[in-house]
Amino acid sequence: MRLSPRLSPRHTKDWRVRTCVIFNPTARGDKARRFRRHLDDIGVQSTLKLTTGPGDGRRCAAEAVREGFEVIVAAGGDGTVNEVVNGLGDAPDGFERACLGVLPLGTVNVFARELMIPLKLGEAWKVIIEARQARIDLPRVEWGDPGSRQTRYFAQLAGAGLDARAIELVQWELKKKIGPLAYVLAGLQALRGTASRISAVADGQSASGGLVLIGNGRLYGGTFRVFPKAELRDGLLEVCVFPVVSWGILARCAGPLLLRGCLPASVANVFQARSLTLTSPDRTPLEVDGELLGHLPATFSTTPTRLRVIVG
C-alpha cells in the first residue's frame, strides 16, 4: 500500500526497537480472537501489557513510556488509541520518548485508515515492524464548567450534538453484530429527540447548529471524507457546523456519502481554525475519537507535529 506523501515518513535506524503492545484481554469480536491467535508471534517481537478495565490503556501507556519502550502500540479501536495517546501525554516527555503504533481491532478504525494502516492483522503488524514514522498534529479539548475543567487529547476527530448523542445510544452487542451500521441506527434514534443549539466561535468566525464535527484528519465514520481539506500536520482543525439537523438533511447526505464518500457542500458551514470554542444553552454531549467524554462548553486547540506515529 502506498503512503500519501502528505505524511512524509522516515524509517527508523533499526526496526528492533523496544515495542509494547497494549490490549484488552476481555475484548470480544472476530478481530480480537484473531489477535489472540497471533499472540505467540507478536510476543517474540514485543512486550504485551493487558488492560483490566476502561481507562486502563492510559495507565499502561504511561507506564510503558517510563519503562523505556520506544514504540507503544494500541491494539484495539479508536477508543483504545485515544487512551494510549493520553497515556503518552501523562508521562514526562512522553510524546518525544515514544512513538504511537496502531493495530486496528475495533469496529470502525478511523485513525488507522487515516494513517493507511492495513486492516488485516498480519499486514498491520508488518507495518509496525517496519516502523516508518511521521509527525502529526495533536489536538486537545478542555471541557466542563469553570472550576471543574478537564483536558483530553484526541487523535482523529471530535463531535458535539447529534453525533455524540448517537454514541450515547449505541448498543454494544448490536455494534459487534452489525458493525458501523449500529451507529447509523443510533443516529436515527437520536434524531427523534430535540436538537441542541450549539454556538461555534473560532478565529473571528462563528456559526451555530445542532451538530458540530471537528477533524484533525479527513475521515469520519470509516472512509467518509467529511473533512476533505484537513491535513494531519497543518496546525489546523477542520470544523463542520450543520445549521439544521433533520431527517431531510440526513437523506440529502446519504447519497453523496455512500456514492462519493463525501458530504454535499450545502449542508454544513465548513472552515478551518487553530482554536475553537463550543457552547450551548442545552445539556449537549461531547465525544472524541468515538468515545463519549462529557458535555459542553468545550474549547479545542492543536499543537503542530507533536505526536509521532507509525504509518503505512
C-alpha atoms as a PDB file:
ATOM      1  CA  MET A   1       0.000   0.000   0.000  1.00  0.00           C
ATOM      2  CA  ARG A   2       1.395   3.377  -0.979  1.00  0.00           C
ATOM      3  CA  LEU A   3       1.593   6.103   1.605  1.00  0.00           C
ATOM      4  CA  SER A   4       0.167   9.538   0.979  1.00  0.00           C
ATOM      5  CA  PRO A   5       3.102  11.939   0.523  1.00  0.00           C
ATOM      6  CA  ARG A   6       1.479  14.393   2.914  1.00  0.00           C
ATOM      7  CA  LEU A   7       2.823  12.375   5.864  1.00  0.00           C
ATOM      8  CA  SER A   8       6.470  12.271   4.693  1.00  0.00           C
ATOM      9  CA  PRO A   9       7.529   9.218   6.734  1.00  0.00           C
ATOM     10  CA  ARG A  10      11.024   8.250   7.702  1.00  0.00           C
ATOM     11  CA  HIS A  11      12.473   4.880   8.609  1.00  0.00           C
ATOM     12  CA  THR A  12      13.989   4.261  11.995  1.00  0.00           C
ATOM     13  CA  LYS A  13      17.669   3.312  12.009  1.00  0.00           C
ATOM     14  CA  ASP A  14      16.870  -0.126  13.404  1.00  0.00           C
ATOM     15  CA  TRP A  15      13.479  -1.865  13.449  1.00  0.00           C
ATOM     16  CA  ARG A  16      14.439  -3.800  16.598  1.00  0.00           C
ATOM     17  CA  VAL A  17      13.179  -1.039  18.855  1.00  0.00           C
ATOM     18  CA  ARG A  18      11.594  -1.803  22.196  1.00  0.00           C
ATOM     19  CA  THR A  19       7.910  -2.267  21.417  1.00  0.00           C
ATOM     20  CA  CYS A  20       4.987  -2.571  23.824  1.00  0.00           C
ATOM     21  CA  VAL A  21       1.512  -3.693  22.713  1.00  0.00           C
ATOM     22  CA  ILE A  22      -1.475  -2.674  24.841  1.00  0.00           C
ATOM     23  CA  PHE A  23      -4.522  -4.950  24.553  1.00  0.00           C
ATOM     24  CA  ASN A  24      -7.763  -5.634  26.409  1.00  0.00           C
ATOM     25  CA  PRO A  25      -7.819  -9.403  27.118  1.00  0.00           C
ATOM     26  CA  THR A  26     -11.622  -9.384  27.533  1.00  0.00           C
ATOM     27  CA  ALA A  27     -12.221  -7.737  24.149  1.00  0.00           C
ATOM     28  CA  ARG A  28     -14.756  -9.630  22.068  1.00  0.00           C
ATOM     29  CA  GLY A  29     -15.283  -9.904  18.336  1.00  0.00           C
ATOM     30  CA  ASP A  30     -13.578 -11.711  15.452  1.00  0.00           C
ATOM     31  CA  LYS A  31     -10.630  -9.312  15.246  1.00  0.00           C
ATOM     32  CA  ALA A  32      -9.823  -9.733  18.933  1.00  0.00           C
ATOM     33  CA  ARG A  33      -9.978 -13.519  18.599  1.00  0.00           C
ATOM     34  CA  ARG A  34      -7.626 -13.437  15.610  1.00  0.00           C
ATOM     35  CA  PHE A  35      -5.251 -11.229  17.594  1.00  0.00           C
ATOM     36  CA  ARG A  36      -5.115 -13.799  20.401  1.00  0.00           C
ATOM     37  CA  ARG A  37      -4.150 -16.492  17.885  1.00  0.00           C
ATOM     38  CA  HIS A  38      -1.137 -14.367  16.894  1.00  0.00           C
ATOM     39  CA  LEU A  39      -0.002 -13.627  20.447  1.00  0.00           C
ATOM     40  CA  ASP A  40       2.949 -16.023  20.357  1.00  0.00           C
ATOM     41  CA  ASP A  41       4.352 -14.468  17.176  1.00  0.00           C
ATOM     42  CA  ILE A  42       3.741 -10.913  18.327  1.00  0.00           C
ATOM     43  CA  GLY A  43       5.175 -11.678  21.767  1.00  0.00           C
ATOM     44  CA  VAL A  44       8.524 -12.652  20.253  1.00  0.00           C
ATOM     45  CA  GLN A  45       8.965  -9.108  18.931  1.00  0.00           C
ATOM     46  CA  SER A  46       7.263  -7.082  21.671  1.00  0.00           C
ATOM     47  CA  THR A  47       6.067  -6.938  25.250  1.00  0.00           C
ATOM     48  CA  LEU A  48       2.329  -7.253  25.862  1.00  0.00           C
ATOM     49  CA  LYS A  49       0.523  -5.213  28.508  1.00  0.00           C
ATOM     50  CA  LEU A  50      -3.036  -6.325  29.282  1.00  0.00           C
ATOM     51  CA  THR A  51      -5.622  -3.829  30.429  1.00  0.00           C
ATOM     52  CA  THR A  52      -8.060  -4.574  33.251  1.00  0.00           C
ATOM     53  CA  GLY A  53     -10.889  -2.143  32.515  1.00  0.00           C
ATOM     54  CA  PRO A  54     -11.962   1.128  30.896  1.00  0.00           C
ATOM     55  CA  GLY A  55      -9.221   3.753  31.056  1.00  0.00           C
ATOM     56  CA  ASP A  56      -6.506   1.254  31.922  1.00  0.00           C
ATOM     57  CA  GLY A  57      -4.902   1.604  28.495  1.00  0.00           C
ATOM     58  CA  ARG A  58      -3.929   5.126  29.521  1.00  0.00           C
ATOM     59  CA  ARG A  59      -2.164   3.867  32.644  1.00  0.00           C
ATOM     60  CA  CYS A  60      -0.405   1.108  30.691  1.00  0.00           C
ATOM     61  CA  ALA A  61       0.840   3.555  28.058  1.00  0.00           C
ATOM     62  CA  ALA A  62       2.289   5.963  30.638  1.00  0.00           C
ATOM     63  CA  GLU A  63       3.916   3.021  32.396  1.00  0.00           C
ATOM     64  CA  ALA A  64       5.418   1.783  29.118  1.00  0.00           C
ATOM     65  CA  VAL A  65       6.990   5.195  28.437  1.00  0.00           C
ATOM     66  CA  ARG A  66       8.568   5.233  31.909  1.00  0.00           C
ATOM     67  CA  GLU A  67       9.910   1.713  31.274  1.00  0.00           C
ATOM     68  CA  GLY A  68      11.718   2.898  28.146  1.00  0.00           C
ATOM     69  CA  PHE A  69       9.600   1.427  25.353  1.00  0.00           C
ATOM     70  CA  GLU A  70      10.149   3.310  22.119  1.00  0.00           C
ATOM     71  CA  VAL A  71       7.027   2.182  20.230  1.00  0.00           C
ATOM     72  CA  ILE A  72       3.733   1.802  22.060  1.00  0.00           C
ATOM     73  CA  VAL A  73       1.005   0.034  20.110  1.00  0.00           C
ATOM     74  CA  ALA A  74      -2.723   0.464  20.709  1.00  0.00           C
ATOM     75  CA  ALA A  75      -4.291  -2.891  19.785  1.00  0.00           C
ATOM     76  CA  GLY A  76      -7.974  -2.012  19.533  1.00  0.00           C
ATOM     77  CA  GLY A  77     -10.301   0.582  18.101  1.00  0.00           C
ATOM     78  CA  ASP A  78     -10.275   4.362  18.129  1.00  0.00           C
ATOM     79  CA  GLY A  79     -11.164   4.435  21.825  1.00  0.00           C
ATOM     80  CA  THR A  80      -8.077   2.376  22.663  1.00  0.00           C
ATOM     81  CA  VAL A  81      -5.970   4.692  20.505  1.00  0.00           C
ATOM     82  CA  ASN A  82      -7.322   7.658  22.462  1.00  0.00           C
ATOM     83  CA  GLU A  83      -6.425   6.072  25.800  1.00  0.00           C
ATOM     84  CA  VAL A  84      -2.886   5.307  24.662  1.00  0.00           C
ATOM     85  CA  VAL A  85      -2.368   8.822  23.270  1.00  0.00           C
ATOM     86  CA  ASN A  86      -3.395  10.308  26.595  1.00  0.00           C
ATOM     87  CA  GLY A  87      -1.141   7.868  28.424  1.00  0.00           C
ATOM     88  CA  LEU A  88       1.795   9.134  26.359  1.00  0.00           C
ATOM     89  CA  GLY A  89       0.823  12.638  27.442  1.00  0.00           C
ATOM     90  CA  ASP A  90       0.759  11.616  31.103  1.00  0.00           C
ATOM     91  CA  ALA A  91       4.422  10.537  31.072  1.00  0.00           C
ATOM     92  CA  PRO A  92       7.175  13.189  31.252  1.00  0.00           C
ATOM     93  CA  ASP A  93       8.255  13.992  27.658  1.00  0.00           C
ATOM     94  CA  GLY A  94       6.117  11.043  26.552  1.00  0.00           C
ATOM     95  CA  PHE A  95       5.477  12.329  23.048  1.00  0.00           C
ATOM     96  CA  GLU A  96       9.208  12.703  22.418  1.00  0.00           C
ATOM     97  CA  ARG A  97      10.246   9.454  24.058  1.00  0.00           C
ATOM     98  CA  ALA A  98       7.743   7.132  22.364  1.00  0.00           C
ATOM     99  CA  CYS A  99       6.026   6.649  19.009  1.00  0.00           C
ATOM    100  CA  LEU A 100       2.395   5.519  18.638  1.00  0.00           C
ATOM    101  CA  GLY A 101       1.512   2.406  16.648  1.00  0.00           C
ATOM    102  CA  VAL A 102      -1.976   1.092  15.854  1.00  0.00           C
ATOM    103  CA  LEU A 103      -3.237  -2.465  15.369  1.00  0.00           C
ATOM    104  CA  PRO A 104      -6.837  -1.930  14.157  1.00  0.00           C
ATOM    105  CA  LEU A 105      -9.057  -4.335  16.107  1.00  0.00           C
ATOM    106  CA  GLY A 106     -12.079  -2.042  16.509  1.00  0.00           C
ATOM    107  CA  THR A 107     -15.372  -1.666  14.674  1.00  0.00           C
ATOM    108  CA  VAL A 108     -14.550   1.368  12.506  1.00  0.00           C
ATOM    109  CA  ASN A 109     -10.810   2.095  12.986  1.00  0.00           C
ATOM    110  CA  VAL A 110     -10.927   5.611  11.560  1.00  0.00           C
ATOM    111  CA  PHE A 111      -7.468   6.667  12.731  1.00  0.00           C
ATOM    112  CA  ALA A 112      -5.834   3.507  11.364  1.00  0.00           C
ATOM    113  CA  ARG A 113      -7.457   4.176   7.992  1.00  0.00           C
ATOM    114  CA  GLU A 114      -6.200   7.773   8.086  1.00  0.00           C
ATOM    115  CA  LEU A 115      -2.636   6.528   8.630  1.00  0.00           C
ATOM    116  CA  MET A 116      -3.125   3.939   5.855  1.00  0.00           C
ATOM    117  CA  ILE A 117      -2.611   1.037   8.249  1.00  0.00           C
ATOM    118  CA  PRO A 118      -3.904  -2.227   6.708  1.00  0.00           C
ATOM    119  CA  LEU A 119      -6.980  -3.588   8.457  1.00  0.00           C
ATOM    120  CA  LYS A 120      -5.711  -7.182   8.229  1.00  0.00           C
ATOM    121  CA  LEU A 121      -3.826  -8.051  11.405  1.00  0.00           C
ATOM    122  CA  GLY A 122      -0.804  -9.718   9.786  1.00  0.00           C
ATOM    123  CA  GLU A 123      -0.257  -6.853   7.353  1.00  0.00           C
ATOM    124  CA  ALA A 124      -0.761  -4.263  10.088  1.00  0.00           C
ATOM    125  CA  TRP A 125       1.888  -5.960  12.257  1.00  0.00           C
ATOM    126  CA  LYS A 126       4.358  -5.850   9.369  1.00  0.00           C
ATOM    127  CA  VAL A 127       3.799  -2.078   9.231  1.00  0.00           C
ATOM    128  CA  ILE A 128       4.570  -1.855  12.962  1.00  0.00           C
ATOM    129  CA  ILE A 129       7.807  -3.789  12.485  1.00  0.00           C
ATOM    130  CA  GLU A 130       8.871  -1.619   9.543  1.00  0.00           C
ATOM    131  CA  ALA A 131       8.422   1.379  11.870  1.00  0.00           C
ATOM    132  CA  ARG A 132       8.028   4.136   9.285  1.00  0.00           C
ATOM    133  CA  GLN A 133       7.378   7.234  11.344  1.00  0.00           C
ATOM    134  CA  ALA A 134       5.782  10.610  10.770  1.00  0.00           C
ATOM    135  CA  ARG A 135       4.947  13.562  12.981  1.00  0.00           C
ATOM    136  CA  ILE A 136       1.348  14.794  13.065  1.00  0.00           C
ATOM    137  CA  ASP A 137      -0.618  17.459  14.903  1.00  0.00           C
ATOM    138  CA  LEU A 138      -2.028  16.663  18.330  1.00  0.00           C
ATOM    139  CA  PRO A 139      -5.430  18.211  19.143  1.00  0.00           C
ATOM    140  CA  ARG A 140      -6.801  18.631  22.644  1.00  0.00           C
ATOM    141  CA  VAL A 141     -10.078  19.649  24.220  1.00  0.00           C
ATOM    142  CA  GLU A 142     -10.840  21.352  27.527  1.00  0.00           C
ATOM    143  CA  TRP A 143     -14.416  20.926  28.697  1.00  0.00           C
ATOM    144  CA  GLY A 144     -16.699  21.421  31.656  1.00  0.00           C
ATOM    145  CA  ASP A 145     -17.791  24.322  33.810  1.00  0.00           C
ATOM    146  CA  PRO A 146     -15.309  26.739  35.439  1.00  0.00           C
ATOM    147  CA  GLY A 147     -13.731  25.116  38.460  1.00  0.00           C
ATOM    148  CA  SER A 148     -14.154  21.597  37.070  1.00  0.00           C
ATOM    149  CA  ARG A 149     -12.394  21.849  33.699  1.00  0.00           C
ATOM    150  CA  GLN A 150     -10.815  18.704  32.298  1.00  0.00           C
ATOM    151  CA  THR A 151      -8.401  18.187  29.391  1.00  0.00           C
ATOM    152  CA  ARG A 152      -8.022  15.344  26.922  1.00  0.00           C
ATOM    153  CA  TYR A 153      -6.023  14.785  23.750  1.00  0.00           C
ATOM    154  CA  PHE A 154      -7.594  13.200  20.688  1.00  0.00           C
ATOM    155  CA  ALA A 155      -6.095  11.760  17.514  1.00  0.00           C
ATOM    156  CA  GLN A 156      -8.657  11.979  14.725  1.00  0.00           C
ATOM    157  CA  LEU A 157     -11.938  13.724  15.421  1.00  0.00           C
ATOM    158  CA  ALA A 158     -14.456  15.138  17.870  1.00  0.00           C
ATOM    159  CA  GLY A 159     -18.135  15.948  17.776  1.00  0.00           C
ATOM    160  CA  ALA A 160     -20.900  17.622  19.755  1.00  0.00           C
ATOM    161  CA  GLY A 161     -24.662  17.348  19.486  1.00  0.00           C
ATOM    162  CA  LEU A 162     -26.348  14.657  17.405  1.00  0.00           C
ATOM    163  CA  ASP A 163     -23.090  12.805  16.772  1.00  0.00           C
ATOM    164  CA  ALA A 164     -22.280  12.416  20.467  1.00  0.00           C
ATOM    165  CA  ARG A 165     -25.903  11.636  21.321  1.00  0.00           C
ATOM    166  CA  ALA A 166     -25.807   8.747  18.842  1.00  0.00           C
ATOM    167  CA  ILE A 167     -22.722   7.371  20.616  1.00  0.00           C
ATOM    168  CA  GLU A 168     -24.654   7.546  23.892  1.00  0.00           C
ATOM    169  CA  LEU A 169     -27.364   5.397  22.333  1.00  0.00           C
ATOM    170  CA  VAL A 170     -25.217   2.753  20.591  1.00  0.00           C
ATOM    171  CA  GLN A 171     -25.810  -0.743  21.937  1.00  0.00           C
ATOM    172  CA  TRP A 172     -22.542  -2.665  22.341  1.00  0.00           C
ATOM    173  CA  GLU A 173     -23.921  -6.081  21.397  1.00  0.00           C
ATOM    174  CA  LEU A 174     -25.566  -4.668  18.289  1.00  0.00           C
ATOM    175  CA  LYS A 175     -22.319  -2.919  17.299  1.00  0.00           C
ATOM    176  CA  LYS A 176     -20.461  -6.225  17.418  1.00  0.00           C
ATOM    177  CA  LYS A 177     -23.104  -7.891  15.258  1.00  0.00           C
ATOM    178  CA  ILE A 178     -23.630  -5.287  12.540  1.00  0.00           C
ATOM    179  CA  GLY A 179     -20.556  -3.041  12.877  1.00  0.00           C
ATOM    180  CA  PRO A 180     -20.769   0.620  11.771  1.00  0.00           C
ATOM    181  CA  LEU A 181     -24.470   0.224  10.919  1.00  0.00           C
ATOM    182  CA  ALA A 182     -25.150   0.300  14.671  1.00  0.00           C
ATOM    183  CA  TYR A 183     -24.061   3.952  14.705  1.00  0.00           C
ATOM    184  CA  VAL A 184     -26.446   4.726  11.842  1.00  0.00           C
ATOM    185  CA  LEU A 185     -29.349   3.191  13.757  1.00  0.00           C
ATOM    186  CA  ALA A 186     -28.359   5.087  16.891  1.00  0.00           C
ATOM    187  CA  GLY A 187     -28.209   8.295  14.857  1.00  0.00           C
ATOM    188  CA  LEU A 188     -31.753   7.703  13.605  1.00  0.00           C
ATOM    189  CA  GLN A 189     -32.867   7.200  17.185  1.00  0.00           C
ATOM    190  CA  ALA A 190     -31.085  10.401  18.240  1.00  0.00           C
ATOM    191  CA  LEU A 191     -32.965  12.337  15.562  1.00  0.00           C
ATOM    192  CA  ARG A 192     -36.210  11.654  17.385  1.00  0.00           C
ATOM    193  CA  GLY A 193     -35.059  13.850  20.258  1.00  0.00           C
ATOM    194  CA  THR A 194     -34.866  17.632  20.494  1.00  0.00           C
ATOM    195  CA  ALA A 195     -31.744  19.003  18.803  1.00  0.00           C
ATOM    196  CA  SER A 196     -29.341  21.119  20.847  1.00  0.00           C
ATOM    197  CA  ARG A 197     -28.341  24.577  19.668  1.00  0.00           C
ATOM    198  CA  ILE A 198     -24.559  24.835  19.571  1.00  0.00           C
ATOM    199  CA  SER A 199     -22.575  28.029  19.022  1.00  0.00           C
ATOM    200  CA  ALA A 200     -19.118  27.668  17.472  1.00  0.00           C
ATOM    201  CA  VAL A 201     -16.645  30.547  17.656  1.00  0.00           C
ATOM    202  CA  ALA A 202     -13.190  30.245  16.081  1.00  0.00           C
ATOM    203  CA  ASP A 203     -10.549  32.739  14.952  1.00  0.00           C
ATOM    204  CA  GLY A 204     -13.052  35.510  14.328  1.00  0.00           C
ATOM    205  CA  GLN A 205     -15.581  33.176  12.667  1.00  0.00           C
ATOM    206  CA  SER A 206     -18.854  31.986  14.158  1.00  0.00           C
ATOM    207  CA  ALA A 207     -21.647  29.583  13.268  1.00  0.00           C
ATOM    208  CA  SER A 208     -24.424  27.721  15.036  1.00  0.00           C
ATOM    209  CA  GLY A 209     -26.313  24.483  14.556  1.00  0.00           C
ATOM    210  CA  GLY A 210     -27.405  21.178  16.018  1.00  0.00           C
ATOM    211  CA  LEU A 211     -24.262  19.233  15.115  1.00  0.00           C
ATOM    212  CA  VAL A 212     -20.588  20.194  15.082  1.00  0.00           C
ATOM    213  CA  LEU A 213     -17.856  17.863  13.815  1.00  0.00           C
ATOM    214  CA  ILE A 214     -14.153  18.613  14.236  1.00  0.00           C
ATOM    215  CA  GLY A 215     -11.484  16.832  12.223  1.00  0.00           C
ATOM    216  CA  ASN A 216      -7.731  16.503  12.570  1.00  0.00           C
ATOM    217  CA  GLY A 217      -7.680  14.124   9.600  1.00  0.00           C
ATOM    218  CA  ARG A 218     -10.005  13.798   6.614  1.00  0.00           C
ATOM    219  CA  LEU A 219     -12.038  10.737   7.595  1.00  0.00           C
ATOM    220  CA  TYR A 220     -15.138  10.189   9.708  1.00  0.00           C
ATOM    221  CA  GLY A 221     -17.125   7.016  10.345  1.00  0.00           C
ATOM    222  CA  GLY A 222     -14.756   4.872   8.298  1.00  0.00           C
ATOM    223  CA  THR A 223     -13.884   6.010   4.779  1.00  0.00           C
ATOM    224  CA  PHE A 224     -16.170   9.065   4.575  1.00  0.00           C
ATOM    225  CA  ARG A 225     -14.190  12.226   3.716  1.00  0.00           C
ATOM    226  CA  VAL A 226     -16.217  14.584   5.891  1.00  0.00           C
ATOM    227  CA  PHE A 227     -13.168  16.863   6.337  1.00  0.00           C
ATOM    228  CA  PRO A 228     -11.760  16.989   2.782  1.00  0.00           C
ATOM    229  CA  LYS A 229      -9.313  19.852   3.360  1.00  0.00           C
ATOM    230  CA  ALA A 230      -7.963  18.548   6.663  1.00  0.00           C
ATOM    231  CA  GLU A 231      -4.251  17.780   6.925  1.00  0.00           C
ATOM    232  CA  LEU A 232      -2.682  15.890   9.794  1.00  0.00           C
ATOM    233  CA  ARG A 233       0.163  18.352  10.136  1.00  0.00           C
ATOM    234  CA  ASP A 234      -1.015  21.805   9.080  1.00  0.00           C
ATOM    235  CA  GLY A 235      -1.654  23.089  12.622  1.00  0.00           C
ATOM    236  CA  LEU A 236      -5.375  23.499  11.888  1.00  0.00           C
ATOM    237  CA  LEU A 237      -8.631  21.791  12.782  1.00  0.00           C
ATOM    238  CA  GLU A 238     -11.393  21.486  10.192  1.00  0.00           C
ATOM    239  CA  VAL A 239     -14.828  22.367  11.554  1.00  0.00           C
ATOM    240  CA  CYS A 240     -18.204  21.356  10.095  1.00  0.00           C
ATOM    241  CA  VAL A 241     -21.265  23.067  11.574  1.00  0.00           C
ATOM    242  CA  PHE A 242     -24.638  21.739  10.471  1.00  0.00           C
ATOM    243  CA  PRO A 243     -27.194  24.573  10.859  1.00  0.00           C
ATOM    244  CA  VAL A 244     -30.111  22.141  10.649  1.00  0.00           C
ATOM    245  CA  VAL A 245     -30.220  18.512  11.756  1.00  0.00           C
ATOM    246  CA  SER A 246     -33.280  16.696  10.429  1.00  0.00           C
ATOM    247  CA  TRP A 247     -34.492  13.661   8.524  1.00  0.00           C
ATOM    248  CA  GLY A 248     -34.352  15.718   5.330  1.00  0.00           C
ATOM    249  CA  ILE A 249     -30.713  16.679   5.852  1.00  0.00           C
ATOM    250  CA  LEU A 250     -29.844  13.067   6.611  1.00  0.00           C
ATOM    251  CA  ALA A 251     -31.491  11.976   3.358  1.00  0.00           C
ATOM    252  CA  ARG A 252     -29.567  14.637   1.389  1.00  0.00           C
ATOM    253  CA  CYS A 253     -26.288  13.421   2.900  1.00  0.00           C
ATOM    254  CA  ALA A 254     -26.871   9.691   2.435  1.00  0.00           C
ATOM    255  CA  GLY A 255     -26.458   9.541  -1.352  1.00  0.00           C
ATOM    256  CA  PRO A 256     -23.235  11.586  -1.660  1.00  0.00           C
ATOM    257  CA  LEU A 257     -21.707   9.798   1.334  1.00  0.00           C
ATOM    258  CA  LEU A 258     -22.459   6.341   0.009  1.00  0.00           C
ATOM    259  CA  LEU A 259     -21.654   7.056  -3.643  1.00  0.00           C
ATOM    260  CA  ARG A 260     -18.744   9.515  -3.400  1.00  0.00           C
ATOM    261  CA  GLY A 261     -17.682   9.286   0.242  1.00  0.00           C
ATOM    262  CA  CYS A 262     -18.213  12.993   0.919  1.00  0.00           C
ATOM    263  CA  LEU A 263     -20.882  15.431   2.105  1.00  0.00           C
ATOM    264  CA  PRO A 264     -22.851  17.732  -0.213  1.00  0.00           C
ATOM    265  CA  ALA A 265     -21.385  21.210   0.106  1.00  0.00           C
ATOM    266  CA  SER A 266     -24.641  22.930   1.049  1.00  0.00           C
ATOM    267  CA  VAL A 267     -25.462  21.062   4.261  1.00  0.00           C
ATOM    268  CA  ALA A 268     -22.731  22.453   6.539  1.00  0.00           C
ATOM    269  CA  ASN A 269     -20.642  25.533   7.196  1.00  0.00           C
ATOM    270  CA  VAL A 270     -17.036  24.364   6.871  1.00  0.00           C
ATOM    271  CA  PHE A 271     -13.969  26.310   7.992  1.00  0.00           C
ATOM    272  CA  GLN A 272     -10.530  25.771   9.489  1.00  0.00           C
ATOM    273  CA  ALA A 273      -9.254  27.131  12.780  1.00  0.00           C
ATOM    274  CA  ARG A 274      -6.364  26.920  15.201  1.00  0.00           C
ATOM    275  CA  SER A 275      -8.727  27.043  18.161  1.00  0.00           C
ATOM    276  CA  LEU A 276     -12.460  26.675  18.634  1.00  0.00           C
ATOM    277  CA  THR A 277     -14.992  27.178  21.426  1.00  0.00           C
ATOM    278  CA  LEU A 278     -18.356  25.398  21.559  1.00  0.00           C
ATOM    279  CA  THR A 279     -21.169  26.453  23.887  1.00  0.00           C
ATOM    280  CA  SER A 280     -24.829  25.561  24.226  1.00  0.00           C
ATOM    281  CA  PRO A 281     -27.722  26.570  26.480  1.00  0.00           C
ATOM    282  CA  ASP A 282     -28.740  22.898  26.498  1.00  0.00           C
ATOM    283  CA  ARG A 283     -27.067  19.876  28.071  1.00  0.00           C
ATOM    284  CA  THR A 284     -25.149  18.876  24.961  1.00  0.00           C
ATOM    285  CA  PRO A 285     -22.948  15.748  24.830  1.00  0.00           C
ATOM    286  CA  LEU A 286     -19.373  15.758  23.551  1.00  0.00           C
ATOM    287  CA  GLU A 287     -17.283  12.932  22.069  1.00  0.00           C
ATOM    288  CA  VAL A 288     -13.695  12.460  20.960  1.00  0.00           C
ATOM    289  CA  ASP A 289     -12.424   9.595  18.795  1.00  0.00           C
ATOM    290  CA  GLY A 290     -15.821   7.911  19.051  1.00  0.00           C
ATOM    291  CA  GLU A 291     -15.916   7.864  22.861  1.00  0.00           C
ATOM    292  CA  LEU A 292     -18.372   9.863  24.956  1.00  0.00           C
ATOM    293  CA  LEU A 293     -16.475  12.447  27.002  1.00  0.00           C
ATOM    294  CA  GLY A 294     -18.865  14.804  28.786  1.00  0.00           C
ATOM    295  CA  HIS A 295     -20.862  17.922  27.952  1.00  0.00           C
ATOM    296  CA  LEU A 296     -20.305  21.417  26.597  1.00  0.00           C
ATOM    297  CA  PRO A 297     -18.863  24.025  26.966  1.00  0.00           C
ATOM    298  CA  ALA A 298     -15.587  22.975  25.369  1.00  0.00           C
ATOM    299  CA  THR A 299     -12.522  24.611  23.840  1.00  0.00           C
ATOM    300  CA  PHE A 300     -10.397  22.907  21.181  1.00  0.00           C
ATOM    301  CA  SER A 301      -6.821  23.601  20.114  1.00  0.00           C
ATOM    302  CA  THR A 302      -3.951  21.761  18.456  1.00  0.00           C
ATOM    303  CA  THR A 303      -0.178  21.536  18.812  1.00  0.00           C
ATOM    304  CA  PRO A 304       1.554  21.176  15.423  1.00  0.00           C
ATOM    305  CA  THR A 305       3.576  17.976  14.764  1.00  0.00           C
ATOM    306  CA  ARG A 306       3.542  16.948  18.428  1.00  0.00           C
ATOM    307  CA  LEU A 307       2.678  13.261  18.011  1.00  0.00           C
ATOM    308  CA  ARG A 308       4.931  10.634  16.406  1.00  0.00           C
ATOM    309  CA  VAL A 309       3.056   7.818  14.676  1.00  0.00           C
ATOM    310  CA  ILE A 310       3.847   4.730  12.633  1.00  0.00           C
ATOM    311  CA  VAL A 311       2.289   4.970   9.177  1.00  0.00           C
ATOM    312  CA  GLY A 312       1.506   2.544   6.399  1.00  0.00           C
END
